Amino acid sequence: MSSGAPLEGRVALITGAARGQGRAHAVRLAHDGADIIAIDVCKSVSDTVTYPMPTPDDLAETVALVEQAGRKALAREVDIRDLAAQQDVVAAGMEQFGRLDIVVANAGILSWGRIWEMSEEQWDTVIDVNLNGTWRTIRAAVPAMIEAGNGGSIIVVSSSAGLKATPGNAHYAASKHGLVALTNALALEAGEFGIRVNSIHPYSINTPMIEPEAMAAIFAKHPTFLHSFAPMPLKPVAREGKPGLQEFMSVEEVADVVAWLAGDGSMTVSGSQIAVDRGVMKY
């Protein structure tokens, strides 16, 4: 890490940090100078979630990458539905680092099905992880941020499905719409403490959650659903040896936005919903 990194001396809590978007956010914020508190469930949460969940080895790899960036990491296997466990890891982070400046509430799950054909477990698990679990992250973290007295930034990872209807995953969309309300209310409530709160809304990110077989199966069964999942209109050009448009967005592209929201360049932005979608929401 070079001296004068934009987040030098700050501490970030990231949920769902073992792989995918969460790992990318941890690594990017570490390169920008932040020490990292990384949590992930690292096991299956329900048989209704059919893609492989992250493992303890995945979380250990995130820690190694943070340390390679020259920063310290505190990692725990934590289910975000467990408030006491989240409070414990926040307390441990405060003891080790003395402050908490950034929260990236990233952890979430996805499954597929029509509303009236889902099981109660399928519906309840997605709502409980994505919405209730994110509230528990906020409940654990905000008192510590206020105590630290440094203000800060909370970035809630919603989805394009948090801004528009998406057939085939209404429970996911409902949870992600709920995160918008949570974000906006928290921006009003926490603003007096210098804490800004925003949600980001990625579309079609290349992570294990994108389960091509499951998506193909539901689109084959209900072909009209496909029209709600449009191609991205923005066609990026290749720069600095990086390719242009890919079928999916990369986790690093989303991490660029998270890093901006975490840093001082976004000091006047709070209560905003930021689409990270190459313009697809304008269809």
C-alpha atoms as a PDB file:
ATOM      1  CA  MET A   1       0.000   0.000   0.000  1.00  0.00           C
ATOM      2  CA  SER A   2       1.287   3.399  -0.900  1.00  0.00           C
ATOM      3  CA  SER A   3       1.201   6.276   1.561  1.00  0.00           C
ATOM      4  CA  GLY A   4      -1.802   8.525   1.166  1.00  0.00           C
ATOM      5  CA  ALA A   5      -4.184   5.811  -0.044  1.00  0.00           C
ATOM      6  CA  PRO A   6      -7.729   7.247  -0.099  1.00  0.00           C
ATOM      7  CA  LEU A   7      -9.034   5.018   2.718  1.00  0.00           C
ATOM      8  CA  GLU A   8      -5.859   4.832   4.753  1.00  0.00           C
ATOM      9  CA  GLY A   9      -6.580   4.376   8.463  1.00  0.00           C
ATOM     10  CA  ARG A  10     -10.201   3.372   7.939  1.00  0.00           C
ATOM     11  CA  VAL A  11     -11.946   0.081   8.674  1.00  0.00           C
ATOM     12  CA  ALA A  12     -14.581  -1.650   6.560  1.00  0.00           C
ATOM     13  CA  LEU A  13     -17.020  -4.408   7.504  1.00  0.00           C
ATOM     14  CA  ILE A  14     -18.053  -6.511   4.517  1.00  0.00           C
ATOM     15  CA  THR A  15     -20.682  -9.257   4.612  1.00  0.00           C
ATOM     16  CA  GLY A  16     -20.657 -12.141   2.161  1.00  0.00           C
ATOM     17  CA  ALA A  17     -16.939 -11.564   1.781  1.00  0.00           C
ATOM     18  CA  ALA A  18     -15.750 -15.085   0.976  1.00  0.00           C
ATOM     19  CA  ARG A  19     -16.057 -14.765  -2.795  1.00  0.00           C
ATOM     20  CA  GLY A  20     -17.777 -12.930  -5.635  1.00  0.00           C
ATOM     21  CA  GLN A  21     -18.781  -9.330  -5.076  1.00  0.00           C
ATOM     22  CA  GLY A  22     -17.899  -9.418  -1.375  1.00  0.00           C
ATOM     23  CA  ARG A  23     -14.333 -10.542  -2.022  1.00  0.00           C
ATOM     24  CA  ALA A  24     -13.915  -7.940  -4.762  1.00  0.00           C
ATOM     25  CA  HIS A  25     -15.091  -5.203  -2.407  1.00  0.00           C
ATOM     26  CA  ALA A  26     -12.746  -6.385   0.355  1.00  0.00           C
ATOM     27  CA  VAL A  27      -9.746  -6.501  -1.949  1.00  0.00           C
ATOM     28  CA  ARG A  28     -10.494  -3.152  -3.578  1.00  0.00           C
ATOM     29  CA  LEU A  29     -11.019  -1.349  -0.262  1.00  0.00           C
ATOM     30  CA  ALA A  30      -7.838  -2.935   1.082  1.00  0.00           C
ATOM     31  CA  HIS A  31      -5.894  -1.642  -1.916  1.00  0.00           C
ATOM     32  CA  ASP A  32      -7.388   1.760  -1.137  1.00  0.00           C
ATOM     33  CA  GLY A  33      -5.972   1.539   2.397  1.00  0.00           C
ATOM     34  CA  ALA A  34      -8.747   0.099   4.588  1.00  0.00           C
ATOM     35  CA  ASP A  35      -8.421  -2.725   7.084  1.00  0.00           C
ATOM     36  CA  ILE A  36     -11.160  -5.306   6.608  1.00  0.00           C
ATOM     37  CA  ILE A  37     -13.630  -7.150   8.818  1.00  0.00           C
ATOM     38  CA  ALA A  38     -14.837  -9.973   6.578  1.00  0.00           C
ATOM     39  CA  ILE A  39     -17.748 -12.256   7.391  1.00  0.00           C
ATOM     40  CA  ASP A  40     -19.508 -15.006   5.473  1.00  0.00           C
ATOM     41  CA  VAL A  41     -21.735 -17.951   6.368  1.00  0.00           C
ATOM     42  CA  CYS A  42     -19.418 -20.378   4.503  1.00  0.00           C
ATOM     43  CA  LYS A  43     -22.051 -23.146   4.334  1.00  0.00           C
ATOM     44  CA  SER A  44     -25.435 -23.961   2.875  1.00  0.00           C
ATOM     45  CA  VAL A  45     -28.364 -22.036   4.339  1.00  0.00           C
ATOM     46  CA  SER A  46     -31.178 -24.010   2.680  1.00  0.00           C
ATOM     47  CA  ASP A  47     -31.739 -26.794   0.187  1.00  0.00           C
ATOM     48  CA  THR A  48     -33.870 -24.312  -1.777  1.00  0.00           C
ATOM     49  CA  VAL A  49     -30.668 -22.500  -2.774  1.00  0.00           C
ATOM     50  CA  THR A  50     -29.230 -24.789  -5.415  1.00  0.00           C
ATOM     51  CA  TYR A  51     -25.927 -23.160  -6.360  1.00  0.00           C
ATOM     52  CA  PRO A  52     -22.816 -24.018  -4.272  1.00  0.00           C
ATOM     53  CA  MET A  53     -22.274 -21.754  -1.281  1.00  0.00           C
ATOM     54  CA  PRO A  54     -18.831 -20.417  -0.276  1.00  0.00           C
ATOM     55  CA  THR A  55     -16.496 -22.393   1.950  1.00  0.00           C
ATOM     56  CA  PRO A  56     -14.094 -21.567   4.797  1.00  0.00           C
ATOM     57  CA  ASP A  57     -11.267 -21.891   2.266  1.00  0.00           C
ATOM     58  CA  ASP A  58     -12.894 -19.174   0.159  1.00  0.00           C
ATOM     59  CA  LEU A  59     -12.967 -16.841   3.162  1.00  0.00           C
ATOM     60  CA  ALA A  60      -9.338 -17.662   3.926  1.00  0.00           C
ATOM     61  CA  GLU A  61      -8.448 -16.732   0.343  1.00  0.00           C
ATOM     62  CA  THR A  62     -10.128 -13.348   0.791  1.00  0.00           C
ATOM     63  CA  VAL A  63      -8.042 -12.781   3.925  1.00  0.00           C
ATOM     64  CA  ALA A  64      -4.873 -13.714   2.027  1.00  0.00           C
ATOM     65  CA  LEU A  65      -5.691 -11.243  -0.742  1.00  0.00           C
ATOM     66  CA  VAL A  66      -6.372  -8.459   1.758  1.00  0.00           C
ATOM     67  CA  GLU A  67      -3.055  -9.162   3.456  1.00  0.00           C
ATOM     68  CA  GLN A  68      -1.272  -9.208   0.088  1.00  0.00           C
ATOM     69  CA  ALA A  69      -2.607  -5.678  -0.359  1.00  0.00           C
ATOM     70  CA  GLY A  70      -0.780  -4.717   2.823  1.00  0.00           C
ATOM     71  CA  ARG A  71      -3.814  -4.476   5.106  1.00  0.00           C
ATOM     72  CA  LYS A  72      -5.052  -6.379   8.154  1.00  0.00           C
ATOM     73  CA  ALA A  73      -8.110  -8.615   8.102  1.00  0.00           C
ATOM     74  CA  LEU A  74     -10.396  -9.992  10.799  1.00  0.00           C
ATOM     75  CA  ALA A  75     -12.488 -12.847   9.392  1.00  0.00           C
ATOM     76  CA  ARG A  76     -15.312 -14.842  10.962  1.00  0.00           C
ATOM     77  CA  GLU A  77     -17.789 -17.421   9.750  1.00  0.00           C
ATOM     78  CA  VAL A  78     -21.045 -15.672  10.597  1.00  0.00           C
ATOM     79  CA  ASP A  79     -24.628 -16.089   9.417  1.00  0.00           C
ATOM     80  CA  ILE A  80     -26.004 -12.564   9.014  1.00  0.00           C
ATOM     81  CA  ARG A  81     -29.331 -13.794  10.384  1.00  0.00           C
ATOM     82  CA  ASP A  82     -27.578 -14.127  13.773  1.00  0.00           C
ATOM     83  CA  LEU A  83     -27.590 -10.686  15.391  1.00  0.00           C
ATOM     84  CA  ALA A  84     -25.532 -11.718  18.424  1.00  0.00           C
ATOM     85  CA  ALA A  85     -22.813 -13.171  16.193  1.00  0.00           C
ATOM     86  CA  GLN A  86     -22.669  -9.977  14.154  1.00  0.00           C
ATOM     87  CA  GLN A  87     -22.474  -7.879  17.313  1.00  0.00           C
ATOM     88  CA  ASP A  88     -19.632 -10.085  18.552  1.00  0.00           C
ATOM     89  CA  VAL A  89     -17.598  -9.645  15.365  1.00  0.00           C
ATOM     90  CA  VAL A  90     -18.187  -5.890  15.357  1.00  0.00           C
ATOM     91  CA  ALA A  91     -17.018  -5.735  18.976  1.00  0.00           C
ATOM     92  CA  ALA A  92     -13.928  -7.768  18.066  1.00  0.00           C
ATOM     93  CA  GLY A  93     -13.249  -5.423  15.163  1.00  0.00           C
ATOM     94  CA  MET A  94     -13.580  -2.377  17.394  1.00  0.00           C
ATOM     95  CA  GLU A  95     -11.182  -3.942  19.899  1.00  0.00           C
ATOM     96  CA  GLN A  96      -8.628  -4.754  17.204  1.00  0.00           C
ATOM     97  CA  PHE A  97      -8.915  -1.658  15.016  1.00  0.00           C
ATOM     98  CA  GLY A  98     -10.494   0.949  17.289  1.00  0.00           C
ATOM     99  CA  ARG A  99     -13.018   2.204  14.764  1.00  0.00           C
ATOM    100  CA  LEU A 100     -15.548   1.294  12.068  1.00  0.00           C
ATOM    101  CA  ASP A 101     -15.975   3.601   9.091  1.00  0.00           C
ATOM    102  CA  ILE A 102     -17.467   1.605   6.222  1.00  0.00           C
ATOM    103  CA  VAL A 103     -20.092  -1.107   5.962  1.00  0.00           C
ATOM    104  CA  VAL A 104     -20.725  -2.996   2.729  1.00  0.00           C
ATOM    105  CA  ALA A 105     -23.921  -4.995   3.346  1.00  0.00           C
ATOM    106  CA  ASN A 106     -23.379  -7.386   0.483  1.00  0.00           C
ATOM    107  CA  ALA A 107     -24.496 -10.858   1.631  1.00  0.00           C
ATOM    108  CA  GLY A 108     -27.515 -12.263  -0.171  1.00  0.00           C
ATOM    109  CA  ILE A 109     -28.998 -15.346  -1.825  1.00  0.00           C
ATOM    110  CA  LEU A 110     -31.225 -16.117  -4.803  1.00  0.00           C
ATOM    111  CA  SER A 111     -33.535 -18.903  -5.959  1.00  0.00           C
ATOM    112  CA  TRP A 112     -36.137 -19.272  -8.692  1.00  0.00           C
ATOM    113  CA  GLY A 113     -39.858 -19.987  -8.965  1.00  0.00           C
ATOM    114  CA  ARG A 114     -43.275 -18.444  -9.478  1.00  0.00           C
ATOM    115  CA  ILE A 115     -44.808 -16.748  -6.448  1.00  0.00           C
ATOM    116  CA  TRP A 116     -47.665 -19.179  -5.896  1.00  0.00           C
ATOM    117  CA  GLU A 117     -45.473 -22.228  -6.454  1.00  0.00           C
ATOM    118  CA  MET A 118     -42.725 -21.434  -3.929  1.00  0.00           C
ATOM    119  CA  SER A 119     -42.469 -23.278  -0.647  1.00  0.00           C
ATOM    120  CA  GLU A 120     -42.605 -21.323   2.575  1.00  0.00           C
ATOM    121  CA  GLU A 121     -38.964 -22.235   3.187  1.00  0.00           C
ATOM    122  CA  GLN A 122     -37.921 -20.864  -0.194  1.00  0.00           C
ATOM    123  CA  TRP A 123     -39.717 -17.562   0.369  1.00  0.00           C
ATOM    124  CA  ASP A 124     -38.746 -17.183   4.022  1.00  0.00           C
ATOM    125  CA  THR A 125     -35.067 -18.022   3.527  1.00  0.00           C
ATOM    126  CA  VAL A 126     -34.507 -15.360   0.864  1.00  0.00           C
ATOM    127  CA  ILE A 127     -36.394 -12.697   2.828  1.00  0.00           C
ATOM    128  CA  ASP A 128     -34.672 -13.630   6.072  1.00  0.00           C
ATOM    129  CA  VAL A 129     -31.147 -13.536   4.635  1.00  0.00           C
ATOM    130  CA  ASN A 130     -31.426 -10.621   2.218  1.00  0.00           C
ATOM    131  CA  LEU A 131     -33.678  -8.234   4.134  1.00  0.00           C
ATOM    132  CA  ASN A 132     -33.724  -9.280   7.792  1.00  0.00           C
ATOM    133  CA  GLY A 133     -30.048 -10.224   7.737  1.00  0.00           C
ATOM    134  CA  THR A 134     -29.096  -6.845   6.286  1.00  0.00           C
ATOM    135  CA  TRP A 135     -31.107  -5.113   9.013  1.00  0.00           C
ATOM    136  CA  ARG A 136     -29.149  -7.171  11.565  1.00  0.00           C
ATOM    137  CA  THR A 137     -25.886  -6.033   9.965  1.00  0.00           C
ATOM    138  CA  ILE A 138     -27.006  -2.431  10.315  1.00  0.00           C
ATOM    139  CA  ARG A 139     -28.234  -3.047  13.866  1.00  0.00           C
ATOM    140  CA  ALA A 140     -24.820  -4.441  14.815  1.00  0.00           C
ATOM    141  CA  ALA A 141     -22.681  -1.883  12.994  1.00  0.00           C
ATOM    142  CA  VAL A 142     -24.317   1.522  13.356  1.00  0.00           C
ATOM    143  CA  PRO A 143     -23.912   1.852  17.154  1.00  0.00           C
ATOM    144  CA  ALA A 144     -20.187   1.119  16.745  1.00  0.00           C
ATOM    145  CA  MET A 145     -19.883   3.700  13.968  1.00  0.00           C
ATOM    146  CA  ILE A 146     -21.617   6.292  16.122  1.00  0.00           C
ATOM    147  CA  GLU A 147     -19.380   5.412  19.073  1.00  0.00           C
ATOM    148  CA  ALA A 148     -16.267   5.762  16.927  1.00  0.00           C
ATOM    149  CA  GLY A 149     -17.403   9.266  16.022  1.00  0.00           C
ATOM    150  CA  ASN A 150     -15.863   9.378  12.559  1.00  0.00           C
ATOM    151  CA  GLY A 151     -19.011   9.402  10.454  1.00  0.00           C
ATOM    152  CA  GLY A 152     -18.710   6.963   7.602  1.00  0.00           C
ATOM    153  CA  SER A 153     -20.412   5.266   4.695  1.00  0.00           C
ATOM    154  CA  ILE A 154     -22.855   2.379   4.523  1.00  0.00           C
ATOM    155  CA  ILE A 155     -23.279   0.749   1.127  1.00  0.00           C
ATOM    156  CA  VAL A 156     -26.264  -1.574   0.841  1.00  0.00           C
ATOM    157  CA  VAL A 157     -25.969  -4.000  -2.063  1.00  0.00           C
ATOM    158  CA  SER A 158     -29.434  -4.308  -3.560  1.00  0.00           C
ATOM    159  CA  SER A 159     -29.996  -5.302  -7.190  1.00  0.00           C
ATOM    160  CA  SER A 160     -31.624  -4.130 -10.392  1.00  0.00           C
ATOM    161  CA  ALA A 161     -34.419  -6.330  -9.031  1.00  0.00           C
ATOM    162  CA  GLY A 162     -34.726  -3.804  -6.205  1.00  0.00           C
ATOM    163  CA  LEU A 163     -35.887  -1.142  -8.663  1.00  0.00           C
ATOM    164  CA  LYS A 164     -38.099  -3.073 -11.107  1.00  0.00           C
ATOM    165  CA  ALA A 165     -40.247  -6.182 -11.242  1.00  0.00           C
ATOM    166  CA  THR A 166     -38.484  -9.415 -12.129  1.00  0.00           C
ATOM    167  CA  PRO A 167     -40.604 -12.500 -12.827  1.00  0.00           C
ATOM    168  CA  GLY A 168     -39.381 -15.815 -11.487  1.00  0.00           C
ATOM    169  CA  ASN A 169     -37.749 -14.440  -8.346  1.00  0.00           C
ATOM    170  CA  ALA A 170     -40.354 -12.269  -6.625  1.00  0.00           C
ATOM    171  CA  HIS A 171     -39.041 -13.134  -3.156  1.00  0.00           C
ATOM    172  CA  TYR A 172     -35.605 -11.863  -4.193  1.00  0.00           C
ATOM    173  CA  ALA A 173     -37.100  -8.721  -5.746  1.00  0.00           C
ATOM    174  CA  ALA A 174     -39.231  -8.106  -2.643  1.00  0.00           C
ATOM    175  CA  SER A 175     -36.176  -8.385  -0.404  1.00  0.00           C
ATOM    176  CA  LYS A 176     -34.155  -6.065  -2.618  1.00  0.00           C
ATOM    177  CA  HIS A 177     -36.980  -3.518  -2.841  1.00  0.00           C
ATOM    178  CA  GLY A 178     -37.106  -3.670   0.966  1.00  0.00           C
ATOM    179  CA  LEU A 179     -33.441  -2.746   1.086  1.00  0.00           C
ATOM    180  CA  VAL A 180     -34.238   0.504  -0.730  1.00  0.00           C
ATOM    181  CA  ALA A 181     -36.641   1.534   2.031  1.00  0.00           C
ATOM    182  CA  LEU A 182     -34.113   0.476   4.666  1.00  0.00           C
ATOM    183  CA  THR A 183     -31.393   2.506   2.933  1.00  0.00           C
ATOM    184  CA  ASN A 184     -33.457   5.652   2.614  1.00  0.00           C
ATOM    185  CA  ALA A 185     -34.790   5.582   6.171  1.00  0.00           C
ATOM    186  CA  LEU A 186     -31.306   4.957   7.571  1.00  0.00           C
ATOM    187  CA  ALA A 187     -29.910   7.852   5.518  1.00  0.00           C
ATOM    188  CA  LEU A 188     -32.376  10.133   7.294  1.00  0.00           C
ATOM    189  CA  GLU A 189     -31.783   8.677  10.743  1.00  0.00           C
ATOM    190  CA  ALA A 190     -27.984   8.347  10.652  1.00  0.00           C
ATOM    191  CA  GLY A 191     -27.202  11.575   8.843  1.00  0.00           C
ATOM    192  CA  GLU A 192     -26.854  13.554  12.054  1.00  0.00           C
ATOM    193  CA  PHE A 193     -23.870  11.370  12.925  1.00  0.00           C
ATOM    194  CA  GLY A 194     -22.112  12.039   9.614  1.00  0.00           C
ATOM    195  CA  ILE A 195     -23.015   8.587   8.308  1.00  0.00           C
ATOM    196  CA  ARG A 196     -24.182   8.480   4.701  1.00  0.00           C
ATOM    197  CA  VAL A 197     -26.163   5.528   3.368  1.00  0.00           C
ATOM    198  CA  ASN A 198     -26.700   4.512  -0.250  1.00  0.00           C
ATOM    199  CA  SER A 199     -27.808   1.436  -2.145  1.00  0.00           C
ATOM    200  CA  ILE A 200     -26.274   0.053  -5.317  1.00  0.00           C
ATOM    201  CA  HIS A 201     -28.217  -1.934  -7.885  1.00  0.00           C
ATOM    202  CA  PRO A 202     -26.035  -4.244  -9.985  1.00  0.00           C
ATOM    203  CA  TYR A 203     -27.308  -6.197 -12.967  1.00  0.00           C
ATOM    204  CA  SER A 204     -25.978  -9.468 -14.374  1.00  0.00           C
ATOM    205  CA  ILE A 205     -22.760  -9.879 -12.391  1.00  0.00           C
ATOM    206  CA  ASN A 206     -20.480 -12.832 -13.066  1.00  0.00           C
ATOM    207  CA  THR A 207     -20.716 -14.709  -9.743  1.00  0.00           C
ATOM    208  CA  PRO A 208     -21.855 -18.213  -8.710  1.00  0.00           C
ATOM    209  CA  MET A 209     -25.301 -16.741  -7.955  1.00  0.00           C
ATOM    210  CA  ILE A 210     -25.797 -16.444 -11.730  1.00  0.00           C
ATOM    211  CA  GLU A 211     -26.892 -20.035 -12.246  1.00  0.00           C
ATOM    212  CA  PRO A 212     -27.278 -20.468 -16.018  1.00  0.00           C
ATOM    213  CA  GLU A 213     -28.963 -23.876 -15.807  1.00  0.00           C
ATOM    214  CA  ALA A 214     -31.615 -22.693 -13.339  1.00  0.00           C
ATOM    215  CA  MET A 215     -32.260 -19.520 -15.335  1.00  0.00           C
ATOM    216  CA  ALA A 216     -32.494 -21.459 -18.595  1.00  0.00           C
ATOM    217  CA  ALA A 217     -34.944 -23.886 -17.030  1.00  0.00           C
ATOM    218  CA  ILE A 218     -37.350 -21.222 -15.828  1.00  0.00           C
ATOM    219  CA  PHE A 219     -37.118 -19.259 -19.092  1.00  0.00           C
ATOM    220  CA  ALA A 220     -37.794 -22.444 -21.051  1.00  0.00           C
ATOM    221  CA  LYS A 221     -40.843 -23.129 -18.882  1.00  0.00           C
ATOM    222  CA  HIS A 222     -42.044 -19.501 -18.944  1.00  0.00           C
ATOM    223  CA  PRO A 223     -40.559 -17.860 -22.072  1.00  0.00           C
ATOM    224  CA  THR A 224     -42.320 -14.515 -21.528  1.00  0.00           C
ATOM    225  CA  PHE A 225     -40.118 -13.990 -18.456  1.00  0.00           C
ATOM    226  CA  LEU A 226     -37.062 -13.609 -20.670  1.00  0.00           C
ATOM    227  CA  HIS A 227     -38.179 -10.167 -21.875  1.00  0.00           C
ATOM    228  CA  SER A 228     -37.615  -8.739 -18.379  1.00  0.00           C
ATOM    229  CA  PHE A 229     -33.889  -9.560 -18.567  1.00  0.00           C
ATOM    230  CA  ALA A 230     -32.641  -7.208 -21.267  1.00  0.00           C
ATOM    231  CA  PRO A 231     -29.134  -6.916 -22.732  1.00  0.00           C
ATOM    232  CA  MET A 232     -27.040  -4.020 -21.471  1.00  0.00           C
ATOM    233  CA  PRO A 233     -27.083  -1.056 -23.891  1.00  0.00           C
ATOM    234  CA  LEU A 234     -23.728   0.452 -22.896  1.00  0.00           C
ATOM    235  CA  LYS A 235     -20.887  -1.111 -24.867  1.00  0.00           C
ATOM    236  CA  PRO A 236     -17.617  -0.376 -23.014  1.00  0.00           C
ATOM    237  CA  VAL A 237     -14.467  -0.155 -25.081  1.00  0.00           C
ATOM    238  CA  ALA A 238     -11.274  -1.993 -24.240  1.00  0.00           C
ATOM    239  CA  ARG A 239      -8.828   0.050 -22.166  1.00  0.00           C
ATOM    240  CA  GLU A 240      -5.420  -0.666 -20.653  1.00  0.00           C
ATOM    241  CA  GLY A 241      -5.373  -4.215 -21.928  1.00  0.00           C
ATOM    242  CA  LYS A 242      -8.824  -5.000 -20.521  1.00  0.00           C
ATOM    243  CA  PRO A 243     -11.468  -6.331 -22.918  1.00  0.00           C
ATOM    244  CA  GLY A 244     -14.597  -4.417 -23.795  1.00  0.00           C
ATOM    245  CA  LEU A 245     -18.120  -5.699 -23.282  1.00  0.00           C
ATOM    246  CA  GLN A 246     -18.505  -9.132 -21.733  1.00  0.00           C
ATOM    247  CA  GLU A 247     -21.710 -11.136 -21.354  1.00  0.00           C
ATOM    248  CA  PHE A 248     -21.745 -10.340 -17.623  1.00  0.00           C
ATOM    249  CA  MET A 249     -20.360  -7.419 -15.662  1.00  0.00           C
ATOM    250  CA  SER A 250     -17.318  -8.178 -13.536  1.00  0.00           C
ATOM    251  CA  VAL A 251     -17.203  -7.937  -9.761  1.00  0.00           C
ATOM    252  CA  GLU A 252     -14.375  -5.448 -10.122  1.00  0.00           C
ATOM    253  CA  GLU A 253     -16.641  -3.048 -12.013  1.00  0.00           C
ATOM    254  CA  VAL A 254     -19.064  -3.061  -9.088  1.00  0.00           C
ATOM    255  CA  ALA A 255     -16.191  -2.695  -6.611  1.00  0.00           C
ATOM    256  CA  ASP A 256     -15.169   0.528  -8.364  1.00  0.00           C
ATOM    257  CA  VAL A 257     -18.555   2.020  -7.445  1.00  0.00           C
ATOM    258  CA  VAL A 258     -18.363   0.706  -3.883  1.00  0.00           C
ATOM    259  CA  ALA A 259     -14.910   2.250  -3.485  1.00  0.00           C
ATOM    260  CA  TRP A 260     -16.242   5.624  -4.637  1.00  0.00           C
ATOM    261  CA  LEU A 261     -19.142   5.464  -2.187  1.00  0.00           C
ATOM    262  CA  ALA A 262     -16.770   4.437   0.612  1.00  0.00           C
ATOM    263  CA  GLY A 263     -14.436   7.372  -0.005  1.00  0.00           C
ATOM    264  CA  ASP A 264     -14.568  11.114   0.413  1.00  0.00           C
ATOM    265  CA  GLY A 265     -15.493  11.767  -3.203  1.00  0.00           C
ATOM    266  CA  SER A 266     -19.094  10.848  -2.383  1.00  0.00           C
ATOM    267  CA  MET A 267     -19.359  12.931   0.795  1.00  0.00           C
ATOM    268  CA  THR A 268     -22.530  14.708  -0.386  1.00  0.00           C
ATOM    269  CA  VAL A 269     -24.297  11.553  -1.597  1.00  0.00           C
ATOM    270  CA  SER A 270     -26.747   9.892   0.806  1.00  0.00           C
ATOM    271  CA  GLY A 271     -30.108   8.213   0.372  1.00  0.00           C
ATOM    272  CA  SER A 272     -29.385   7.490  -3.287  1.00  0.00           C
ATOM    273  CA  GLN A 273     -30.057   4.425  -5.402  1.00  0.00           C
ATOM    274  CA  ILE A 274     -27.218   3.929  -7.859  1.00  0.00           C
ATOM    275  CA  ALA A 275     -27.814   1.617 -10.807  1.00  0.00           C
ATOM    276  CA  VAL A 276     -24.666  -0.326 -11.730  1.00  0.00           C
ATOM    277  CA  ASP A 277     -26.113  -1.806 -14.894  1.00  0.00           C
ATOM    278  CA  ARG A 278     -24.623  -0.248 -18.036  1.00  0.00           C
ATOM    279  CA  GLY A 279     -27.932   1.495 -18.653  1.00  0.00           C
ATOM    280  CA  VAL A 280     -30.219  -1.538 -18.760  1.00  0.00           C
ATOM    281  CA  MET A 281     -32.751  -0.005 -16.362  1.00  0.00           C
ATOM    282  CA  LYS A 282     -33.621   2.591 -19.012  1.00  0.00           C
ATOM    283  CA  TYR A 283     -35.306   0.007 -21.242  1.00  0.00           C
END
